[in-house]
Amino acid sequence: MPKSLRSPRQHRLMELLIAARRGKGLTQATLAERLGKPQSYVAKYETGERRIDVIEFLDITTAIGLDAADILASLMENH
């Protein structure tokens, strides 16, 4: 099994989160502000430099205004 930081599924998750953020008209800076984090936090997980855990995933989807289950369902469609 490939390392999850660079796995195709991890890459797809980041694509989904980026598309969702952009679809809501949010910048990385705006999302970071909602999360109480620096902009670099969003940039690092979006570029794959760092991996997010499940709690961070839930915080991110909530801050974007998404249903976390919808993102997971989209991720599983391609697995």
PDB file of N, CA and C in Angstrom:
ATOM      1  N   MET A   1       0.848  -1.166   0.000  1.00  0.00           N
ATOM      2  CA  MET A   1       0.000   0.000   0.000  1.00  0.00           C
ATOM      3  C   MET A   1       0.903   1.242   0.000  1.00  0.00           C
ATOM      4  N   PRO A   2       0.594   2.242  -0.871  1.00  0.00           N
ATOM      5  CA  PRO A   2       1.418   3.456  -0.904  1.00  0.00           C
ATOM      6  C   PRO A   2       1.201   4.295   0.344  1.00  0.00           C
ATOM      7  N   LYS A   3       2.195   5.134   0.642  1.00  0.00           N
ATOM      8  CA  LYS A   3       2.049   6.040   1.772  1.00  0.00           C
ATOM      9  C   LYS A   3       0.848   6.941   1.531  1.00  0.00           C
ATOM     10  N   SER A   4       0.041   7.156   2.565  1.00  0.00           N
ATOM     11  CA  SER A   4      -1.212   7.883   2.402  1.00  0.00           C
ATOM     12  C   SER A   4      -1.030   9.362   2.098  1.00  0.00           C
ATOM     13  N   LEU A   5       0.143   9.936   2.419  1.00  0.00           N
ATOM     14  CA  LEU A   5       0.362  11.349   2.140  1.00  0.00           C
ATOM     15  C   LEU A   5       0.371  11.611   0.640  1.00  0.00           C
ATOM     16  N   ARG A   6       0.800  10.670  -0.137  1.00  0.00           N
ATOM     17  CA  ARG A   6       0.899  10.831  -1.582  1.00  0.00           C
ATOM     18  C   ARG A   6       0.030   9.830  -2.351  1.00  0.00           C
ATOM     19  N   SER A   7      -0.874   9.177  -1.697  1.00  0.00           N
ATOM     20  CA  SER A   7      -1.696   8.173  -2.364  1.00  0.00           C
ATOM     21  C   SER A   7      -2.711   8.833  -3.298  1.00  0.00           C
ATOM     22  N   PRO A   8      -3.177   8.103  -4.295  1.00  0.00           N
ATOM     23  CA  PRO A   8      -4.200   8.657  -5.194  1.00  0.00           C
ATOM     24  C   PRO A   8      -5.461   9.099  -4.450  1.00  0.00           C
ATOM     25  N   ARG A   9      -5.845   8.351  -3.443  1.00  0.00           N
ATOM     26  CA  ARG A   9      -7.048   8.724  -2.686  1.00  0.00           C
ATOM     27  C   ARG A   9      -6.829  10.005  -1.896  1.00  0.00           C
ATOM     28  N   GLN A  10      -5.640  10.163  -1.313  1.00  0.00           N
ATOM     29  CA  GLN A  10      -5.329  11.399  -0.590  1.00  0.00           C
ATOM     30  C   GLN A  10      -5.331  12.574  -1.551  1.00  0.00           C
ATOM     31  N   HIS A  11      -4.754  12.379  -2.724  1.00  0.00           N
ATOM     32  CA  HIS A  11      -4.745  13.430  -3.744  1.00  0.00           C
ATOM     33  C   HIS A  11      -6.176  13.797  -4.146  1.00  0.00           C
ATOM     34  N   ARG A  12      -7.027  12.804  -4.320  1.00  0.00           N
ATOM     35  CA  ARG A  12      -8.427  13.049  -4.691  1.00  0.00           C
ATOM     36  C   ARG A  12      -9.157  13.806  -3.581  1.00  0.00           C
ATOM     37  N   LEU A  13      -8.905  13.473  -2.333  1.00  0.00           N
ATOM     38  CA  LEU A  13      -9.526  14.187  -1.221  1.00  0.00           C
ATOM     39  C   LEU A  13      -9.150  15.664  -1.273  1.00  0.00           C
ATOM     40  N   MET A  14      -7.889  15.944  -1.507  1.00  0.00           N
ATOM     41  CA  MET A  14      -7.458  17.345  -1.579  1.00  0.00           C
ATOM     42  C   MET A  14      -8.121  18.052  -2.762  1.00  0.00           C
ATOM     43  N   GLU A  15      -8.251  17.367  -3.899  1.00  0.00           N
ATOM     44  CA  GLU A  15      -8.940  17.954  -5.054  1.00  0.00           C
ATOM     45  C   GLU A  15     -10.383  18.296  -4.705  1.00  0.00           C
ATOM     46  N   LEU A  16     -11.053  17.399  -4.012  1.00  0.00           N
ATOM     47  CA  LEU A  16     -12.448  17.627  -3.630  1.00  0.00           C
ATOM     48  C   LEU A  16     -12.579  18.816  -2.683  1.00  0.00           C
ATOM     49  N   LEU A  17     -11.688  18.901  -1.707  1.00  0.00           N
ATOM     50  CA  LEU A  17     -11.749  20.013  -0.759  1.00  0.00           C
ATOM     51  C   LEU A  17     -11.414  21.348  -1.424  1.00  0.00           C
ATOM     52  N   ILE A  18     -10.446  21.344  -2.321  1.00  0.00           N
ATOM     53  CA  ILE A  18     -10.099  22.571  -3.037  1.00  0.00           C
ATOM     54  C   ILE A  18     -11.269  23.020  -3.912  1.00  0.00           C
ATOM     55  N   ALA A  19     -11.849  22.087  -4.653  1.00  0.00           N
ATOM     56  CA  ALA A  19     -12.978  22.422  -5.523  1.00  0.00           C
ATOM     57  C   ALA A  19     -14.159  22.943  -4.707  1.00  0.00           C
ATOM     58  N   ALA A  20     -14.406  22.335  -3.565  1.00  0.00           N
ATOM     59  CA  ALA A  20     -15.507  22.774  -2.713  1.00  0.00           C
ATOM     60  C   ALA A  20     -15.256  24.171  -2.168  1.00  0.00           C
ATOM     61  N   ARG A  21     -14.025  24.421  -1.720  1.00  0.00           N
ATOM     62  CA  ARG A  21     -13.677  25.756  -1.202  1.00  0.00           C
ATOM     63  C   ARG A  21     -13.870  26.805  -2.287  1.00  0.00           C
ATOM     64  N   ARG A  22     -13.322  26.529  -3.443  1.00  0.00           N
ATOM     65  CA  ARG A  22     -13.448  27.478  -4.556  1.00  0.00           C
ATOM     66  C   ARG A  22     -14.899  27.646  -4.988  1.00  0.00           C
ATOM     67  N   GLY A  23     -15.633  26.534  -4.986  1.00  0.00           N
ATOM     68  CA  GLY A  23     -17.044  26.576  -5.362  1.00  0.00           C
ATOM     69  C   GLY A  23     -17.876  27.456  -4.444  1.00  0.00           C
ATOM     70  N   LYS A  24     -17.454  27.563  -3.215  1.00  0.00           N
ATOM     71  CA  LYS A  24     -18.139  28.435  -2.244  1.00  0.00           C
ATOM     72  C   LYS A  24     -17.583  29.853  -2.282  1.00  0.00           C
ATOM     73  N   GLY A  25     -16.631  30.108  -3.192  1.00  0.00           N
ATOM     74  CA  GLY A  25     -16.058  31.442  -3.319  1.00  0.00           C
ATOM     75  C   GLY A  25     -15.133  31.837  -2.190  1.00  0.00           C
ATOM     76  N   LEU A  26     -14.530  30.852  -1.539  1.00  0.00           N
ATOM     77  CA  LEU A  26     -13.644  31.121  -0.409  1.00  0.00           C
ATOM     78  C   LEU A  26     -12.188  31.088  -0.842  1.00  0.00           C
ATOM     79  N   THR A  27     -11.410  32.015  -0.339  1.00  0.00           N
ATOM     80  CA  THR A  27      -9.961  31.970  -0.524  1.00  0.00           C
ATOM     81  C   THR A  27      -9.373  31.105   0.580  1.00  0.00           C
ATOM     82  N   GLN A  28      -8.111  30.738   0.407  1.00  0.00           N
ATOM     83  CA  GLN A  28      -7.431  30.014   1.478  1.00  0.00           C
ATOM     84  C   GLN A  28      -7.408  30.858   2.746  1.00  0.00           C
ATOM     85  N   ALA A  29      -7.184  32.155   2.590  1.00  0.00           N
ATOM     86  CA  ALA A  29      -7.104  33.046   3.753  1.00  0.00           C
ATOM     87  C   ALA A  29      -8.437  33.118   4.491  1.00  0.00           C
ATOM     88  N   THR A  30      -9.530  33.190   3.753  1.00  0.00           N
ATOM     89  CA  THR A  30     -10.853  33.255   4.384  1.00  0.00           C
ATOM     90  C   THR A  30     -11.166  31.963   5.129  1.00  0.00           C
ATOM     91  N   LEU A  31     -10.862  30.842   4.483  1.00  0.00           N
ATOM     92  CA  LEU A  31     -11.096  29.556   5.140  1.00  0.00           C
ATOM     93  C   LEU A  31     -10.229  29.439   6.389  1.00  0.00           C
ATOM     94  N   ALA A  32      -8.977  29.817   6.274  1.00  0.00           N
ATOM     95  CA  ALA A  32      -8.073  29.752   7.433  1.00  0.00           C
ATOM     96  C   ALA A  32      -8.599  30.597   8.583  1.00  0.00           C
ATOM     97  N   GLU A  33      -9.124  31.766   8.264  1.00  0.00           N
ATOM     98  CA  GLU A  33      -9.691  32.631   9.303  1.00  0.00           C
ATOM     99  C   GLU A  33     -10.864  31.937   9.996  1.00  0.00           C
ATOM    100  N   ARG A  34     -11.710  31.287   9.217  1.00  0.00           N
ATOM    101  CA  ARG A  34     -12.846  30.559   9.806  1.00  0.00           C
ATOM    102  C   ARG A  34     -12.378  29.426  10.711  1.00  0.00           C
ATOM    103  N   LEU A  35     -11.236  28.841  10.359  1.00  0.00           N
ATOM    104  CA  LEU A  35     -10.691  27.730  11.137  1.00  0.00           C
ATOM    105  C   LEU A  35      -9.842  28.197  12.315  1.00  0.00           C
ATOM    106  N   GLY A  36      -9.535  29.496  12.349  1.00  0.00           N
ATOM    107  CA  GLY A  36      -8.659  30.011  13.396  1.00  0.00           C
ATOM    108  C   GLY A  36      -7.215  29.572  13.206  1.00  0.00           C
ATOM    109  N   LYS A  37      -6.829  29.425  11.946  1.00  0.00           N
ATOM    110  CA  LYS A  37      -5.486  28.948  11.595  1.00  0.00           C
ATOM    111  C   LYS A  37      -4.845  29.951  10.637  1.00  0.00           C
ATOM    112  N   PRO A  38      -3.526  29.856  10.460  1.00  0.00           N
ATOM    113  CA  PRO A  38      -2.879  30.704   9.450  1.00  0.00           C
ATOM    114  C   PRO A  38      -3.197  30.181   8.041  1.00  0.00           C
ATOM    115  N   GLN A  39      -3.073  31.048   7.062  1.00  0.00           N
ATOM    116  CA  GLN A  39      -3.337  30.669   5.670  1.00  0.00           C
ATOM    117  C   GLN A  39      -2.439  29.505   5.254  1.00  0.00           C
ATOM    118  N   SER A  40      -1.245  29.444   5.780  1.00  0.00           N
ATOM    119  CA  SER A  40      -0.310  28.376   5.413  1.00  0.00           C
ATOM    120  C   SER A  40      -0.841  26.987   5.798  1.00  0.00           C
ATOM    121  N   TYR A  41      -1.689  26.920   6.824  1.00  0.00           N
ATOM    122  CA  TYR A  41      -2.299  25.645   7.222  1.00  0.00           C
ATOM    123  C   TYR A  41      -3.117  25.083   6.060  1.00  0.00           C
ATOM    124  N   VAL A  42      -3.946  25.930   5.457  1.00  0.00           N
ATOM    125  CA  VAL A  42      -4.773  25.502   4.324  1.00  0.00           C
ATOM    126  C   VAL A  42      -3.877  25.176   3.134  1.00  0.00           C
ATOM    127  N   ALA A  43      -2.920  26.035   2.850  1.00  0.00           N
ATOM    128  CA  ALA A  43      -2.020  25.809   1.717  1.00  0.00           C
ATOM    129  C   ALA A  43      -1.282  24.482   1.848  1.00  0.00           C
ATOM    130  N   LYS A  44      -0.830  24.160   3.041  1.00  0.00           N
ATOM    131  CA  LYS A  44      -0.050  22.937   3.233  1.00  0.00           C
ATOM    132  C   LYS A  44      -0.875  21.680   3.021  1.00  0.00           C
ATOM    133  N   TYR A  45      -2.118  21.649   3.480  1.00  0.00           N
ATOM    134  CA  TYR A  45      -2.879  20.428   3.227  1.00  0.00           C
ATOM    135  C   TYR A  45      -3.384  20.387   1.793  1.00  0.00           C
ATOM    136  N   GLU A  46      -3.636  21.548   1.194  1.00  0.00           N
ATOM    137  CA  GLU A  46      -4.095  21.561  -0.193  1.00  0.00           C
ATOM    138  C   GLU A  46      -2.990  21.149  -1.169  1.00  0.00           C
ATOM    139  N   THR A  47      -1.753  21.410  -0.841  1.00  0.00           N
ATOM    140  CA  THR A  47      -0.642  21.016  -1.711  1.00  0.00           C
ATOM    141  C   THR A  47      -0.115  19.623  -1.390  1.00  0.00           C
ATOM    142  N   GLY A  48      -0.610  19.026  -0.332  1.00  0.00           N
ATOM    143  CA  GLY A  48      -0.172  17.695   0.053  1.00  0.00           C
ATOM    144  C   GLY A  48       1.060  17.691   0.926  1.00  0.00           C
ATOM    145  N   GLU A  49       1.469  18.860   1.379  1.00  0.00           N
ATOM    146  CA  GLU A  49       2.640  18.933   2.256  1.00  0.00           C
ATOM    147  C   GLU A  49       2.340  18.353   3.630  1.00  0.00           C
ATOM    148  N   ARG A  50       1.078  18.450   4.029  1.00  0.00           N
ATOM    149  CA  ARG A  50       0.676  17.852   5.309  1.00  0.00           C
ATOM    150  C   ARG A  50      -0.654  17.149   5.123  1.00  0.00           C
ATOM    151  N   ARG A  51      -0.882  16.162   5.944  1.00  0.00           N
ATOM    152  CA  ARG A  51      -2.114  15.385   5.909  1.00  0.00           C
ATOM    153  C   ARG A  51      -3.023  15.868   7.034  1.00  0.00           C
ATOM    154  N   ILE A  52      -4.322  15.828   6.797  1.00  0.00           N
ATOM    155  CA  ILE A  52      -5.276  16.208   7.839  1.00  0.00           C
ATOM    156  C   ILE A  52      -5.845  14.957   8.493  1.00  0.00           C
ATOM    157  N   ASP A  53      -6.179  15.083   9.777  1.00  0.00           N
ATOM    158  CA  ASP A  53      -6.815  13.960  10.451  1.00  0.00           C
ATOM    159  C   ASP A  53      -8.335  14.115  10.358  1.00  0.00           C
ATOM    160  N   VAL A  54      -9.051  13.166  10.897  1.00  0.00           N
ATOM    161  CA  VAL A  54     -10.505  13.149  10.744  1.00  0.00           C
ATOM    162  C   VAL A  54     -11.168  14.356  11.422  1.00  0.00           C
ATOM    163  N   ILE A  55     -10.648  14.790  12.551  1.00  0.00           N
ATOM    164  CA  ILE A  55     -11.220  15.949  13.245  1.00  0.00           C
ATOM    165  C   ILE A  55     -10.983  17.209  12.428  1.00  0.00           C
ATOM    166  N   GLU A  56      -9.789  17.344  11.882  1.00  0.00           N
ATOM    167  CA  GLU A  56      -9.501  18.488  11.011  1.00  0.00           C
ATOM    168  C   GLU A  56     -10.401  18.456   9.775  1.00  0.00           C
ATOM    169  N   PHE A  57     -10.595  17.272   9.202  1.00  0.00           N
ATOM    170  CA  PHE A  57     -11.481  17.110   8.053  1.00  0.00           C
ATOM    171  C   PHE A  57     -12.880  17.617   8.380  1.00  0.00           C
ATOM    172  N   LEU A  58     -13.390  17.225   9.533  1.00  0.00           N
ATOM    173  CA  LEU A  58     -14.726  17.676   9.940  1.00  0.00           C
ATOM    174  C   LEU A  58     -14.770  19.189  10.142  1.00  0.00           C
ATOM    175  N   ASP A  59     -13.730  19.741  10.750  1.00  0.00           N
ATOM    176  CA  ASP A  59     -13.656  21.196  10.941  1.00  0.00           C
ATOM    177  C   ASP A  59     -13.620  21.923   9.602  1.00  0.00           C
ATOM    178  N   ILE A  60     -12.843  21.407   8.669  1.00  0.00           N
ATOM    179  CA  ILE A  60     -12.711  22.026   7.354  1.00  0.00           C
ATOM    180  C   ILE A  60     -14.027  21.974   6.594  1.00  0.00           C
ATOM    181  N   THR A  61     -14.659  20.812   6.564  1.00  0.00           N
ATOM    182  CA  THR A  61     -15.921  20.715   5.829  1.00  0.00           C
ATOM    183  C   THR A  61     -16.989  21.610   6.444  1.00  0.00           C
ATOM    184  N   THR A  62     -17.019  21.710   7.752  1.00  0.00           N
ATOM    185  CA  THR A  62     -17.976  22.599   8.420  1.00  0.00           C
ATOM    186  C   THR A  62     -17.691  24.049   8.067  1.00  0.00           C
ATOM    187  N   ALA A  63     -16.426  24.441   8.093  1.00  0.00           N
ATOM    188  CA  ALA A  63     -16.047  25.824   7.780  1.00  0.00           C
ATOM    189  C   ALA A  63     -16.376  26.189   6.333  1.00  0.00           C
ATOM    190  N   ILE A  64     -16.291  25.211   5.440  1.00  0.00           N
ATOM    191  CA  ILE A  64     -16.632  25.458   4.041  1.00  0.00           C
ATOM    192  C   ILE A  64     -18.152  25.454   3.850  1.00  0.00           C
ATOM    193  N   GLY A  65     -18.856  24.746   4.716  1.00  0.00           N
ATOM    194  CA  GLY A  65     -20.315  24.624   4.582  1.00  0.00           C
ATOM    195  C   GLY A  65     -20.701  23.388   3.804  1.00  0.00           C
ATOM    196  N   LEU A  66     -19.946  22.322   4.017  1.00  0.00           N
ATOM    197  CA  LEU A  66     -20.171  21.059   3.317  1.00  0.00           C
ATOM    198  C   LEU A  66     -20.670  19.991   4.272  1.00  0.00           C
ATOM    199  N   ASP A  67     -21.268  18.967   3.696  1.00  0.00           N
ATOM    200  CA  ASP A  67     -21.599  17.761   4.445  1.00  0.00           C
ATOM    201  C   ASP A  67     -20.417  16.812   4.274  1.00  0.00           C
ATOM    202  N   ALA A  68     -19.735  16.500   5.360  1.00  0.00           N
ATOM    203  CA  ALA A  68     -18.552  15.641   5.300  1.00  0.00           C
ATOM    204  C   ALA A  68     -18.880  14.305   4.639  1.00  0.00           C
ATOM    205  N   ALA A  69     -20.073  13.783   4.867  1.00  0.00           N
ATOM    206  CA  ALA A  69     -20.461  12.500   4.279  1.00  0.00           C
ATOM    207  C   ALA A  69     -20.506  12.584   2.755  1.00  0.00           C
ATOM    208  N   ASP A  70     -20.888  13.722   2.211  1.00  0.00           N
ATOM    209  CA  ASP A  70     -20.922  13.883   0.756  1.00  0.00           C
ATOM    210  C   ASP A  70     -19.511  13.821   0.164  1.00  0.00           C
ATOM    211  N   ILE A  71     -18.568  14.452   0.842  1.00  0.00           N
ATOM    212  CA  ILE A  71     -17.183  14.413   0.373  1.00  0.00           C
ATOM    213  C   ILE A  71     -16.657  12.979   0.447  1.00  0.00           C
ATOM    214  N   LEU A  72     -16.931  12.292   1.535  1.00  0.00           N
ATOM    215  CA  LEU A  72     -16.470  10.909   1.662  1.00  0.00           C
ATOM    216  C   LEU A  72     -17.112  10.016   0.622  1.00  0.00           C
ATOM    217  N   ALA A  73     -18.385  10.229   0.332  1.00  0.00           N
ATOM    218  CA  ALA A  73     -19.067   9.427  -0.697  1.00  0.00           C
ATOM    219  C   ALA A  73     -18.431   9.660  -2.060  1.00  0.00           C
ATOM    220  N   SER A  74     -18.103  10.913  -2.370  1.00  0.00           N
ATOM    221  CA  SER A  74     -17.423  11.216  -3.626  1.00  0.00           C
ATOM    222  C   SER A  74     -16.058  10.551  -3.685  1.00  0.00           C
ATOM    223  N   LEU A  75     -15.377  10.547  -2.583  1.00  0.00           N
ATOM    224  CA  LEU A  75     -14.061   9.918  -2.514  1.00  0.00           C
ATOM    225  C   LEU A  75     -14.160   8.411  -2.737  1.00  0.00           C
ATOM    226  N   MET A  76     -15.173   7.791  -2.182  1.00  0.00           N
ATOM    227  CA  MET A  76     -15.327   6.354  -2.293  1.00  0.00           C
ATOM    228  C   MET A  76     -15.804   5.931  -3.685  1.00  0.00           C
ATOM    229  N   GLU A  77     -16.465   6.804  -4.420  1.00  0.00           N
ATOM    230  CA  GLU A  77     -16.919   6.490  -5.779  1.00  0.00           C
ATOM    231  C   GLU A  77     -15.758   6.129  -6.678  1.00  0.00           C
ATOM    232  N   ASN A  78     -14.615   6.740  -6.429  1.00  0.00           N
ATOM    233  CA  ASN A  78     -13.457   6.529  -7.280  1.00  0.00           C
ATOM    234  C   ASN A  78     -12.477   5.516  -6.721  1.00  0.00           C
ATOM    235  N   HIS A  79     -12.870   4.787  -5.703  1.00  0.00           N
ATOM    236  CA  HIS A  79     -11.952   3.824  -5.089  1.00  0.00           C
ATOM    237  C   HIS A  79     -12.267   2.426  -5.546  1.00  0.00           C
TER     238      HIS A  79
END
